[in-house]
Amino acid sequence: MRSADRPGDASARAASPETAGGPPRPPDAFYPRPFDLSGLRRDAVNLRDVGEGVQVVVVPGPERLHVFRDICPHMGGPLGEATVCKDATLECPWHGYRFSLDTGRLVENPNERIMAELRRRAPACFRPENTPRYALAPLAYQVVGDRVYVQRRRSEA
């Protein structure tokens, strides 16, 4: 794969002089352990350790990388074991919650189907108005050469 064809390269290369091969600055803005682009499987879940006990899920898409913490916000399920669905969503292996790869927003809560029937048959005293709205927080990253550095802050997806 040519350098210009890799997800994230264009924006990272235009961003700063770090493209000469050194790590991005300031160093404390990034997790200490970068990972290689070349080892990532496209349209699949790739689990990577970025240091300090933090693991991230990386899903290379056609335009960019999708990077999230390896923890489902619903009940802490391991997103490193998640499934990438054909509709560009990530499905948690524990309870089937599906999140948009582009935004991290909840796309499908499998409990909604179950709860819809219960709400229909429930007594008037059971009418919850609010349901939890979980979301994944996309993590910002920077590509330098063939290395991906994950930022400690969230991206503006």
N, C-alpha and C. Protein backbone atom coordinates (compact mmCIF):
# COMPACT_ATOMS: atom_id res chain seq x y z
N MET A 1 0.84 -1.17 0.00
CA MET A 1 0.00 0.00 0.00
C MET A 1 0.89 1.23 0.00
N ARG A 2 0.63 2.12 -0.94
CA ARG A 2 1.41 3.36 -1.00
C ARG A 2 1.08 4.23 0.20
N SER A 3 2.03 5.06 0.58
CA SER A 3 1.84 5.92 1.74
C SER A 3 0.61 6.79 1.60
N ALA A 4 0.37 7.35 0.42
CA ALA A 4 -0.77 8.23 0.23
C ALA A 4 -2.11 7.50 0.28
N ASP A 5 -2.10 6.16 0.14
CA ASP A 5 -3.33 5.39 0.16
C ASP A 5 -3.73 4.94 1.56
N ARG A 6 -2.91 5.16 2.54
CA ARG A 6 -3.22 4.67 3.89
C ARG A 6 -4.15 5.63 4.60
N PRO A 7 -5.10 5.08 5.39
CA PRO A 7 -6.02 5.94 6.12
C PRO A 7 -5.27 6.86 7.06
N GLY A 8 -5.69 8.12 7.09
CA GLY A 8 -5.12 9.06 8.04
C GLY A 8 -3.85 9.74 7.59
N ASP A 9 -3.20 9.25 6.55
CA ASP A 9 -1.91 9.80 6.16
C ASP A 9 -1.99 11.24 5.68
N ALA A 10 -2.97 11.56 4.85
CA ALA A 10 -3.03 12.88 4.26
C ALA A 10 -3.12 13.96 5.33
N SER A 11 -4.02 13.82 6.29
CA SER A 11 -4.17 14.84 7.31
C SER A 11 -2.96 14.89 8.23
N ALA A 12 -2.39 13.74 8.54
CA ALA A 12 -1.25 13.72 9.44
C ALA A 12 -0.03 14.33 8.78
N ARG A 13 0.16 14.06 7.50
CA ARG A 13 1.34 14.60 6.82
C ARG A 13 1.24 16.11 6.66
N ALA A 14 0.04 16.61 6.45
CA ALA A 14 -0.11 18.05 6.27
C ALA A 14 -0.06 18.79 7.60
N ALA A 15 -0.21 18.07 8.69
CA ALA A 15 -0.38 18.71 9.99
C ALA A 15 0.88 19.37 10.53
N SER A 16 2.06 18.76 10.35
CA SER A 16 3.23 19.32 11.01
C SER A 16 4.53 18.69 10.50
N PRO A 17 5.65 19.22 10.95
CA PRO A 17 6.94 18.70 10.51
C PRO A 17 7.29 17.35 11.12
N GLU A 18 6.46 16.79 11.97
CA GLU A 18 6.76 15.49 12.56
C GLU A 18 6.85 14.40 11.50
N THR A 19 6.35 14.68 10.30
CA THR A 19 6.33 13.66 9.26
C THR A 19 7.74 13.25 8.85
N ALA A 20 8.74 13.97 9.33
CA ALA A 20 10.12 13.59 9.03
C ALA A 20 10.51 12.30 9.73
N GLY A 21 9.68 11.78 10.61
CA GLY A 21 9.96 10.49 11.22
C GLY A 21 9.94 10.47 12.72
N GLY A 22 9.99 11.61 13.37
CA GLY A 22 9.97 11.63 14.82
C GLY A 22 8.55 11.57 15.35
N PRO A 23 8.40 11.29 16.65
CA PRO A 23 7.06 11.25 17.23
C PRO A 23 6.43 12.64 17.23
N PRO A 24 5.11 12.72 17.22
CA PRO A 24 4.43 14.02 17.26
C PRO A 24 4.68 14.74 18.58
N ARG A 25 4.47 16.03 18.55
CA ARG A 25 4.67 16.86 19.73
C ARG A 25 3.35 17.46 20.17
N PRO A 26 3.16 17.78 21.42
CA PRO A 26 4.03 17.43 22.54
C PRO A 26 3.86 15.96 22.89
N PRO A 27 4.93 15.32 23.32
CA PRO A 27 4.89 13.88 23.57
C PRO A 27 3.86 13.46 24.61
N ASP A 28 3.60 14.28 25.61
CA ASP A 28 2.65 13.89 26.64
C ASP A 28 1.19 13.97 26.16
N ALA A 29 0.95 14.46 24.95
CA ALA A 29 -0.40 14.51 24.38
C ALA A 29 -0.80 13.17 23.77
N PHE A 30 0.18 12.25 23.65
CA PHE A 30 -0.06 10.96 23.01
C PHE A 30 0.26 9.82 23.96
N TYR A 31 -0.41 8.69 23.77
CA TYR A 31 -0.03 7.50 24.52
C TYR A 31 1.35 7.08 24.07
N PRO A 32 2.14 6.44 24.95
CA PRO A 32 3.55 6.21 24.65
C PRO A 32 3.86 5.13 23.61
N ARG A 33 2.92 4.27 23.29
CA ARG A 33 3.24 3.14 22.41
C ARG A 33 2.47 3.25 21.08
N PRO A 34 3.13 3.72 20.01
CA PRO A 34 2.45 3.75 18.71
C PRO A 34 2.34 2.34 18.13
N PHE A 35 1.54 2.18 17.10
CA PHE A 35 1.44 0.89 16.42
C PHE A 35 1.60 1.11 14.92
N ASP A 36 1.91 0.03 14.21
CA ASP A 36 2.17 0.10 12.77
C ASP A 36 0.89 0.02 11.96
N LEU A 37 0.80 0.85 10.93
CA LEU A 37 -0.31 0.77 9.99
C LEU A 37 -0.28 -0.54 9.21
N SER A 38 0.91 -0.99 8.88
CA SER A 38 1.04 -2.16 8.00
C SER A 38 0.46 -3.44 8.59
N GLY A 39 0.31 -3.51 9.90
CA GLY A 39 -0.22 -4.73 10.50
C GLY A 39 -1.73 -4.74 10.68
N LEU A 40 -2.41 -3.68 10.25
CA LEU A 40 -3.85 -3.58 10.46
C LEU A 40 -4.63 -4.27 9.36
N ARG A 41 -5.64 -5.03 9.76
CA ARG A 41 -6.55 -5.67 8.80
C ARG A 41 -7.68 -4.69 8.49
N ARG A 42 -7.92 -4.44 7.22
CA ARG A 42 -8.94 -3.49 6.78
C ARG A 42 -10.35 -4.03 7.09
N ASP A 43 -11.23 -3.13 7.53
CA ASP A 43 -12.62 -3.46 7.84
C ASP A 43 -12.74 -4.59 8.85
N ALA A 44 -11.82 -4.64 9.78
CA ALA A 44 -11.82 -5.65 10.84
C ALA A 44 -11.40 -4.98 12.14
N VAL A 45 -11.74 -5.62 13.25
CA VAL A 45 -11.34 -5.12 14.56
C VAL A 45 -9.89 -5.49 14.80
N ASN A 46 -9.08 -4.50 15.11
CA ASN A 46 -7.67 -4.69 15.44
C ASN A 46 -7.46 -4.15 16.85
N LEU A 47 -7.05 -4.99 17.76
CA LEU A 47 -6.81 -4.58 19.14
C LEU A 47 -5.34 -4.20 19.29
N ARG A 48 -5.07 -3.01 19.82
CA ARG A 48 -3.70 -2.54 19.99
C ARG A 48 -3.50 -1.97 21.38
N ASP A 49 -2.34 -2.25 21.95
CA ASP A 49 -1.93 -1.72 23.25
C ASP A 49 -1.16 -0.44 22.98
N VAL A 50 -1.64 0.69 23.51
CA VAL A 50 -0.96 1.96 23.29
C VAL A 50 -0.18 2.41 24.53
N GLY A 51 -0.05 1.52 25.50
CA GLY A 51 0.73 1.82 26.70
C GLY A 51 -0.13 2.29 27.86
N GLU A 52 0.46 2.28 29.04
CA GLU A 52 -0.17 2.73 30.27
C GLU A 52 -1.44 1.94 30.58
N GLY A 53 -1.48 0.68 30.17
CA GLY A 53 -2.63 -0.17 30.44
C GLY A 53 -3.84 0.13 29.58
N VAL A 54 -3.66 0.88 28.51
CA VAL A 54 -4.77 1.26 27.63
C VAL A 54 -4.71 0.46 26.34
N GLN A 55 -5.84 -0.18 26.04
CA GLN A 55 -5.97 -0.86 24.76
C GLN A 55 -7.02 -0.14 23.94
N VAL A 56 -6.78 -0.09 22.63
CA VAL A 56 -7.73 0.55 21.72
C VAL A 56 -8.13 -0.42 20.63
N VAL A 57 -9.32 -0.17 20.10
CA VAL A 57 -9.83 -0.91 18.95
C VAL A 57 -9.61 -0.01 17.75
N VAL A 58 -9.01 -0.57 16.71
CA VAL A 58 -8.74 0.18 15.48
C VAL A 58 -9.42 -0.54 14.33
N VAL A 59 -10.25 0.19 13.60
CA VAL A 59 -10.90 -0.36 12.41
C VAL A 59 -10.53 0.55 11.24
N PRO A 60 -9.65 0.07 10.36
CA PRO A 60 -9.30 0.89 9.19
C PRO A 60 -10.46 0.92 8.20
N GLY A 61 -10.87 2.12 7.84
CA GLY A 61 -11.91 2.30 6.84
C GLY A 61 -11.28 2.79 5.55
N PRO A 62 -12.08 3.06 4.55
CA PRO A 62 -11.54 3.50 3.27
C PRO A 62 -10.88 4.88 3.34
N GLU A 63 -11.36 5.75 4.21
CA GLU A 63 -10.86 7.12 4.28
C GLU A 63 -9.94 7.38 5.48
N ARG A 64 -10.22 6.68 6.60
CA ARG A 64 -9.48 6.98 7.83
C ARG A 64 -9.57 5.78 8.78
N LEU A 65 -8.86 5.91 9.89
CA LEU A 65 -8.94 4.91 10.94
C LEU A 65 -10.06 5.29 11.90
N HIS A 66 -10.71 4.28 12.45
CA HIS A 66 -11.69 4.49 13.51
C HIS A 66 -11.06 3.92 14.77
N VAL A 67 -10.82 4.76 15.76
CA VAL A 67 -10.09 4.36 16.97
C VAL A 67 -10.95 4.67 18.19
N PHE A 68 -11.15 3.62 19.03
CA PHE A 68 -11.95 3.74 20.25
C PHE A 68 -11.25 2.97 21.37
N ARG A 69 -11.58 3.31 22.61
CA ARG A 69 -11.13 2.49 23.74
C ARG A 69 -11.78 1.11 23.61
N ASP A 70 -11.15 0.11 24.21
CA ASP A 70 -11.61 -1.28 24.09
C ASP A 70 -12.69 -1.62 25.11
N ILE A 71 -13.51 -0.66 25.49
CA ILE A 71 -14.51 -0.91 26.53
C ILE A 71 -15.87 -0.41 26.04
N CYS A 72 -16.84 -1.29 26.01
CA CYS A 72 -18.20 -0.89 25.63
C CYS A 72 -18.79 -0.04 26.76
N PRO A 73 -19.38 1.10 26.43
CA PRO A 73 -19.92 1.97 27.47
C PRO A 73 -21.17 1.40 28.15
N HIS A 74 -21.78 0.38 27.59
CA HIS A 74 -22.97 -0.20 28.19
C HIS A 74 -22.63 -0.93 29.48
N MET A 75 -21.79 -1.97 29.40
CA MET A 75 -21.43 -2.73 30.60
C MET A 75 -19.98 -3.18 30.58
N GLY A 76 -19.13 -2.51 29.83
CA GLY A 76 -17.70 -2.81 29.86
C GLY A 76 -17.28 -4.00 29.03
N GLY A 77 -18.08 -4.39 28.06
CA GLY A 77 -17.72 -5.52 27.20
C GLY A 77 -16.46 -5.25 26.42
N PRO A 78 -15.72 -6.31 26.04
CA PRO A 78 -14.45 -6.16 25.33
C PRO A 78 -14.68 -5.90 23.83
N LEU A 79 -14.52 -4.66 23.42
CA LEU A 79 -14.74 -4.34 22.01
C LEU A 79 -13.66 -4.91 21.10
N GLY A 80 -12.58 -5.40 21.67
CA GLY A 80 -11.57 -6.11 20.88
C GLY A 80 -12.13 -7.41 20.30
N GLU A 81 -13.26 -7.87 20.85
CA GLU A 81 -13.93 -9.07 20.36
C GLU A 81 -15.21 -8.71 19.59
N ALA A 82 -15.39 -7.43 19.30
CA ALA A 82 -16.59 -6.97 18.60
C ALA A 82 -16.57 -7.39 17.14
N THR A 83 -17.69 -7.19 16.49
CA THR A 83 -17.85 -7.50 15.08
C THR A 83 -18.04 -6.22 14.29
N VAL A 84 -17.34 -6.09 13.17
CA VAL A 84 -17.57 -4.98 12.25
C VAL A 84 -18.68 -5.42 11.31
N CYS A 85 -19.78 -4.68 11.30
CA CYS A 85 -20.95 -5.03 10.49
C CYS A 85 -20.88 -4.32 9.13
N LYS A 86 -21.64 -4.84 8.18
CA LYS A 86 -21.62 -4.30 6.82
C LYS A 86 -22.13 -2.87 6.74
N ASP A 87 -22.92 -2.44 7.72
CA ASP A 87 -23.45 -1.07 7.71
C ASP A 87 -22.54 -0.09 8.45
N ALA A 88 -21.26 -0.41 8.54
CA ALA A 88 -20.26 0.46 9.17
C ALA A 88 -20.56 0.70 10.64
N THR A 89 -20.95 -0.37 11.33
CA THR A 89 -21.16 -0.29 12.77
C THR A 89 -20.29 -1.33 13.45
N LEU A 90 -20.10 -1.14 14.74
CA LEU A 90 -19.34 -2.05 15.58
C LEU A 90 -20.31 -2.65 16.58
N GLU A 91 -20.40 -3.99 16.61
CA GLU A 91 -21.35 -4.67 17.50
C GLU A 91 -20.62 -5.30 18.67
N CYS A 92 -21.03 -4.89 19.88
CA CYS A 92 -20.42 -5.42 21.11
C CYS A 92 -20.75 -6.91 21.24
N PRO A 93 -19.77 -7.74 21.63
CA PRO A 93 -20.01 -9.18 21.73
C PRO A 93 -20.88 -9.59 22.92
N TRP A 94 -21.02 -8.75 23.92
CA TRP A 94 -21.76 -9.15 25.11
C TRP A 94 -23.27 -9.01 24.95
N HIS A 95 -23.74 -7.86 24.52
CA HIS A 95 -25.18 -7.62 24.50
C HIS A 95 -25.71 -7.13 23.16
N GLY A 96 -24.84 -7.02 22.16
CA GLY A 96 -25.29 -6.68 20.82
C GLY A 96 -25.54 -5.21 20.56
N TYR A 97 -25.10 -4.34 21.44
CA TYR A 97 -25.23 -2.90 21.17
C TYR A 97 -24.37 -2.58 19.95
N ARG A 98 -24.92 -1.77 19.04
CA ARG A 98 -24.20 -1.42 17.82
C ARG A 98 -23.95 0.08 17.77
N PHE A 99 -22.71 0.44 17.43
CA PHE A 99 -22.26 1.83 17.41
C PHE A 99 -21.74 2.18 16.03
N SER A 100 -21.98 3.41 15.60
CA SER A 100 -21.48 3.91 14.32
C SER A 100 -19.96 4.01 14.38
N LEU A 101 -19.29 3.49 13.36
CA LEU A 101 -17.84 3.64 13.30
C LEU A 101 -17.45 5.10 13.04
N ASP A 102 -18.27 5.82 12.30
CA ASP A 102 -17.94 7.21 11.96
C ASP A 102 -18.06 8.16 13.14
N THR A 103 -19.11 8.00 13.95
CA THR A 103 -19.36 8.96 15.02
C THR A 103 -19.26 8.38 16.42
N GLY A 104 -19.37 7.06 16.55
CA GLY A 104 -19.39 6.43 17.87
C GLY A 104 -20.78 6.39 18.48
N ARG A 105 -21.75 7.00 17.83
CA ARG A 105 -23.11 7.06 18.38
C ARG A 105 -23.77 5.69 18.37
N LEU A 106 -24.65 5.48 19.34
CA LEU A 106 -25.43 4.26 19.41
C LEU A 106 -26.39 4.21 18.23
N VAL A 107 -26.35 3.10 17.49
CA VAL A 107 -27.20 2.93 16.33
C VAL A 107 -28.34 1.97 16.66
N GLU A 108 -28.02 0.94 17.45
CA GLU A 108 -29.05 -0.03 17.81
C GLU A 108 -28.85 -0.51 19.23
N ASN A 109 -29.92 -0.37 20.01
CA ASN A 109 -29.96 -0.90 21.36
C ASN A 109 -30.90 -2.10 21.31
N PRO A 110 -30.38 -3.33 21.43
CA PRO A 110 -31.24 -4.50 21.30
C PRO A 110 -32.32 -4.57 22.37
N ASN A 111 -32.14 -3.89 23.46
CA ASN A 111 -33.15 -3.89 24.52
C ASN A 111 -34.39 -3.09 24.12
N GLU A 112 -34.26 -2.19 23.16
CA GLU A 112 -35.42 -1.40 22.74
C GLU A 112 -36.53 -2.28 22.20
N ARG A 113 -36.18 -3.32 21.44
CA ARG A 113 -37.20 -4.24 20.91
C ARG A 113 -37.90 -4.97 22.05
N ILE A 114 -37.13 -5.42 23.01
CA ILE A 114 -37.70 -6.14 24.16
C ILE A 114 -38.56 -5.20 24.99
N MET A 115 -38.02 -4.02 25.27
CA MET A 115 -38.74 -3.08 26.12
C MET A 115 -39.99 -2.53 25.45
N ALA A 116 -40.00 -2.44 24.12
CA ALA A 116 -41.19 -1.93 23.43
C ALA A 116 -42.40 -2.81 23.74
N GLU A 117 -42.22 -4.11 23.72
CA GLU A 117 -43.32 -5.03 24.02
C GLU A 117 -43.71 -4.93 25.50
N LEU A 118 -42.73 -4.84 26.38
CA LEU A 118 -43.03 -4.73 27.81
C LEU A 118 -43.77 -3.42 28.11
N ARG A 119 -43.36 -2.33 27.47
CA ARG A 119 -44.03 -1.05 27.69
C ARG A 119 -45.48 -1.11 27.22
N ARG A 120 -45.69 -1.80 26.12
CA ARG A 120 -47.05 -1.90 25.57
C ARG A 120 -47.99 -2.62 26.53
N ARG A 121 -47.47 -3.66 27.20
CA ARG A 121 -48.31 -4.47 28.08
C ARG A 121 -48.23 -4.06 29.55
N ALA A 122 -47.36 -3.17 29.88
CA ALA A 122 -47.12 -2.80 31.29
C ALA A 122 -48.24 -1.94 31.85
N PRO A 123 -48.40 -2.00 33.18
CA PRO A 123 -49.39 -1.11 33.82
C PRO A 123 -48.98 0.34 33.66
N ALA A 124 -49.92 1.23 33.86
CA ALA A 124 -49.68 2.66 33.66
C ALA A 124 -48.55 3.20 34.52
N CYS A 125 -48.28 2.56 35.64
CA CYS A 125 -47.21 3.05 36.52
C CYS A 125 -45.82 2.80 35.93
N PHE A 126 -45.70 1.94 34.92
CA PHE A 126 -44.40 1.67 34.29
C PHE A 126 -44.35 2.34 32.92
N ARG A 127 -43.91 3.56 32.92
CA ARG A 127 -43.78 4.31 31.67
C ARG A 127 -42.48 5.12 31.70
N PRO A 128 -41.35 4.43 31.61
CA PRO A 128 -40.08 5.19 31.63
C PRO A 128 -39.98 6.08 30.38
N GLU A 129 -39.70 7.32 30.62
CA GLU A 129 -39.59 8.28 29.52
C GLU A 129 -38.18 8.33 28.93
N ASN A 130 -37.21 8.03 29.74
CA ASN A 130 -35.83 8.14 29.30
C ASN A 130 -35.18 6.75 29.21
N THR A 131 -34.46 6.54 28.15
CA THR A 131 -33.66 5.32 28.03
C THR A 131 -32.20 5.74 27.90
N PRO A 132 -31.29 4.94 28.40
CA PRO A 132 -29.87 5.30 28.32
C PRO A 132 -29.43 5.45 26.86
N ARG A 133 -28.58 6.42 26.62
CA ARG A 133 -28.02 6.63 25.29
C ARG A 133 -26.50 6.52 25.41
N TYR A 134 -25.99 5.38 25.09
CA TYR A 134 -24.56 5.14 25.17
C TYR A 134 -23.89 5.59 23.87
N ALA A 135 -22.59 5.86 23.94
CA ALA A 135 -21.82 6.22 22.75
C ALA A 135 -20.36 5.88 22.98
N LEU A 136 -19.67 5.58 21.90
CA LEU A 136 -18.22 5.40 21.94
C LEU A 136 -17.58 6.76 21.67
N ALA A 137 -16.48 7.04 22.32
CA ALA A 137 -15.77 8.30 22.09
C ALA A 137 -14.61 8.03 21.13
N PRO A 138 -14.72 8.53 19.89
CA PRO A 138 -13.60 8.35 18.96
C PRO A 138 -12.35 9.02 19.51
N LEU A 139 -11.22 8.36 19.34
CA LEU A 139 -9.94 8.91 19.79
C LEU A 139 -9.21 9.51 18.60
N ALA A 140 -8.64 10.67 18.81
CA ALA A 140 -7.84 11.31 17.77
C ALA A 140 -6.51 10.57 17.65
N TYR A 141 -5.90 10.66 16.48
CA TYR A 141 -4.62 10.00 16.24
C TYR A 141 -3.83 10.80 15.22
N GLN A 142 -2.56 10.48 15.13
CA GLN A 142 -1.71 11.10 14.13
C GLN A 142 -0.83 10.03 13.53
N VAL A 143 -0.70 10.05 12.20
CA VAL A 143 0.13 9.08 11.50
C VAL A 143 1.45 9.76 11.14
N VAL A 144 2.55 9.11 11.52
CA VAL A 144 3.88 9.58 11.17
C VAL A 144 4.59 8.42 10.50
N GLY A 145 4.83 8.53 9.20
CA GLY A 145 5.41 7.41 8.46
C GLY A 145 4.42 6.25 8.46
N ASP A 146 4.83 5.11 9.03
CA ASP A 146 3.95 3.94 9.12
C ASP A 146 3.46 3.74 10.55
N ARG A 147 3.69 4.72 11.42
CA ARG A 147 3.33 4.59 12.83
C ARG A 147 2.11 5.44 13.15
N VAL A 148 1.23 4.89 13.98
CA VAL A 148 0.03 5.61 14.42
C VAL A 148 0.18 5.94 15.90
N TYR A 149 0.08 7.21 16.22
CA TYR A 149 0.16 7.69 17.60
C TYR A 149 -1.24 8.11 18.02
N VAL A 150 -1.76 7.53 19.10
CA VAL A 150 -3.10 7.82 19.57
C VAL A 150 -3.03 8.93 20.62
N GLN A 151 -3.84 9.96 20.40
CA GLN A 151 -3.87 11.08 21.33
C GLN A 151 -4.68 10.73 22.56
N ARG A 152 -4.33 11.36 23.66
CA ARG A 152 -5.05 11.13 24.91
C ARG A 152 -6.43 11.77 24.90
N ARG A 153 -6.62 12.79 24.09
CA ARG A 153 -7.92 13.46 24.03
C ARG A 153 -8.80 12.80 22.96
N ARG A 154 -10.09 13.05 23.07
CA ARG A 154 -11.04 12.51 22.10
C ARG A 154 -10.99 13.33 20.82
N SER A 155 -11.40 12.72 19.72
CA SER A 155 -11.46 13.45 18.46
C SER A 155 -12.75 14.26 18.41
N GLU A 156 -12.86 15.11 17.43
CA GLU A 156 -14.04 15.95 17.25
C GLU A 156 -14.98 15.34 16.22
N ALA A 157 -15.23 14.02 16.31
CA ALA A 157 -16.07 13.33 15.31
C ALA A 157 -17.52 13.71 15.40
